[in-house]
């Protein structure tokens, strides 16, 4: 009887560990594809969640996957 209880305990522990490791891998995959946010006035400011720019207080906007040179030059302001 003790052997059966011990076997069940080992199986439950093993399946819980497997489920936890699979869950961790899934979270890692999500974090690599997570949306990033930036300030249109300060493109060097990048955050993982929406909010306000720490430099000017403007709302952060979702970043595009890739920006071309024209888009980058449009973001710069001449003083």
C-alpha atoms as a PDB file:
ATOM      1  CA  UNK A   1       0.000   0.000   0.000  1.00  0.00           C
ATOM      2  CA  UNK A   2       2.848   2.405   0.852  1.00  0.00           C
ATOM      3  CA  UNK A   3       4.437   1.650  -2.519  1.00  0.00           C
ATOM      4  CA  UNK A   4       1.274   2.659  -4.388  1.00  0.00           C
ATOM      5  CA  UNK A   5       0.960   5.911  -2.430  1.00  0.00           C
ATOM      6  CA  UNK A   6       4.656   6.656  -3.031  1.00  0.00           C
ATOM      7  CA  UNK A   7       4.263   6.005  -6.787  1.00  0.00           C
ATOM      8  CA  UNK A   8       1.224   8.296  -6.998  1.00  0.00           C
ATOM      9  CA  UNK A   9       3.092  11.043  -5.112  1.00  0.00           C
ATOM     10  CA  UNK A  10       6.053  10.765  -7.497  1.00  0.00           C
ATOM     11  CA  UNK A  11       3.790  10.917 -10.551  1.00  0.00           C
ATOM     12  CA  UNK A  12       1.935  13.962  -9.245  1.00  0.00           C
ATOM     13  CA  UNK A  13       5.181  15.762  -8.405  1.00  0.00           C
ATOM     14  CA  UNK A  14       6.638  14.974 -11.829  1.00  0.00           C
ATOM     15  CA  UNK A  15       3.578  16.171 -13.725  1.00  0.00           C
ATOM     16  CA  UNK A  16       3.400  19.375 -11.670  1.00  0.00           C
ATOM     17  CA  UNK A  17       7.067  20.078 -12.388  1.00  0.00           C
ATOM     18  CA  UNK A  18       6.570  19.425 -16.117  1.00  0.00           C
ATOM     19  CA  UNK A  19       3.518  21.707 -16.236  1.00  0.00           C
ATOM     20  CA  UNK A  20       5.415  24.480 -14.443  1.00  0.00           C
ATOM     21  CA  UNK A  21       8.413  24.262 -16.783  1.00  0.00           C
ATOM     22  CA  UNK A  22       6.154  24.332 -19.837  1.00  0.00           C
ATOM     23  CA  UNK A  23       4.342  27.374 -18.446  1.00  0.00           C
ATOM     24  CA  UNK A  24       7.664  29.191 -17.890  1.00  0.00           C
ATOM     25  CA  UNK A  25       8.721  28.556 -21.486  1.00  0.00           C
ATOM     26  CA  UNK A  26       5.436  29.974 -22.743  1.00  0.00           C
ATOM     27  CA  UNK A  27       5.907  33.162 -20.704  1.00  0.00           C
ATOM     28  CA  UNK A  28       9.431  33.567 -22.090  1.00  0.00           C
ATOM     29  CA  UNK A  29       8.101  33.311 -25.634  1.00  0.00           C
ATOM     30  CA  UNK A  30       5.470  35.960 -24.911  1.00  0.00           C
ATOM     31  CA  UNK A  31       7.999  38.377 -23.454  1.00  0.00           C
ATOM     32  CA  UNK A  32      10.151  38.272 -26.601  1.00  0.00           C
ATOM     33  CA  UNK A  33       7.187  39.300 -28.747  1.00  0.00           C
ATOM     34  CA  UNK A  34       5.672  41.767 -26.280  1.00  0.00           C
ATOM     35  CA  UNK A  35       4.661  45.224 -27.490  1.00  0.00           C
ATOM     36  CA  UNK A  36       7.095  48.047 -26.707  1.00  0.00           C
ATOM     37  CA  UNK A  37       6.162  51.712 -26.314  1.00  0.00           C
ATOM     38  CA  UNK A  38       8.170  54.845 -27.107  1.00  0.00           C
ATOM     39  CA  UNK A  39       7.900  58.626 -27.076  1.00  0.00           C
ATOM     40  CA  UNK A  40       7.504  60.379 -30.415  1.00  0.00           C
ATOM     41  CA  UNK A  41       9.710  63.216 -29.170  1.00  0.00           C
ATOM     42  CA  UNK A  42      12.336  60.984 -27.526  1.00  0.00           C
ATOM     43  CA  UNK A  43      12.646  57.712 -29.508  1.00  0.00           C
ATOM     44  CA  UNK A  44      15.410  56.542 -27.176  1.00  0.00           C
ATOM     45  CA  UNK A  45      12.777  56.154 -24.426  1.00  0.00           C
ATOM     46  CA  UNK A  46      11.426  52.590 -24.680  1.00  0.00           C
ATOM     47  CA  UNK A  47       9.151  50.892 -22.144  1.00  0.00           C
ATOM     48  CA  UNK A  48       7.295  47.600 -22.026  1.00  0.00           C
ATOM     49  CA  UNK A  49       3.955  49.191 -21.076  1.00  0.00           C
ATOM     50  CA  UNK A  50       2.053  52.352 -21.995  1.00  0.00           C
ATOM     51  CA  UNK A  51       2.571  55.425 -19.859  1.00  0.00           C
ATOM     52  CA  UNK A  52       4.151  58.856 -20.021  1.00  0.00           C
ATOM     53  CA  UNK A  53       7.597  59.848 -21.244  1.00  0.00           C
ATOM     54  CA  UNK A  54       9.876  60.582 -18.278  1.00  0.00           C
ATOM     55  CA  UNK A  55      11.522  63.418 -20.235  1.00  0.00           C
ATOM     56  CA  UNK A  56       8.533  65.395 -21.559  1.00  0.00           C
ATOM     57  CA  UNK A  57       5.391  63.780 -20.141  1.00  0.00           C
ATOM     58  CA  UNK A  58       3.855  62.919 -23.520  1.00  0.00           C
ATOM     59  CA  UNK A  59       1.940  59.657 -23.887  1.00  0.00           C
ATOM     60  CA  UNK A  60       4.026  56.727 -25.106  1.00  0.00           C
ATOM     61  CA  UNK A  61       2.865  55.138 -28.362  1.00  0.00           C
ATOM     62  CA  UNK A  62       3.248  51.534 -29.575  1.00  0.00           C
ATOM     63  CA  UNK A  63       6.489  50.992 -31.478  1.00  0.00           C
ATOM     64  CA  UNK A  64       6.417  49.744 -35.019  1.00  0.00           C
ATOM     65  CA  UNK A  65       8.382  46.597 -35.800  1.00  0.00           C
ATOM     66  CA  UNK A  66      10.823  48.401 -38.116  1.00  0.00           C
ATOM     67  CA  UNK A  67      11.201  52.047 -39.022  1.00  0.00           C
ATOM     68  CA  UNK A  68      12.805  53.284 -42.187  1.00  0.00           C
ATOM     69  CA  UNK A  69      15.111  56.325 -42.388  1.00  0.00           C
ATOM     70  CA  UNK A  70      12.320  58.655 -43.536  1.00  0.00           C
ATOM     71  CA  UNK A  71      10.149  57.774 -40.546  1.00  0.00           C
ATOM     72  CA  UNK A  72      13.083  58.295 -38.200  1.00  0.00           C
ATOM     73  CA  UNK A  73      13.890  61.710 -39.702  1.00  0.00           C
ATOM     74  CA  UNK A  74      10.211  62.700 -39.414  1.00  0.00           C
ATOM     75  CA  UNK A  75      10.403  62.056 -35.672  1.00  0.00           C
ATOM     76  CA  UNK A  76      13.329  64.439 -35.123  1.00  0.00           C
ATOM     77  CA  UNK A  77      12.682  68.079 -34.312  1.00  0.00           C
ATOM     78  CA  UNK A  78      14.928  70.892 -35.466  1.00  0.00           C
ATOM     79  CA  UNK A  79      15.670  73.474 -32.797  1.00  0.00           C
END
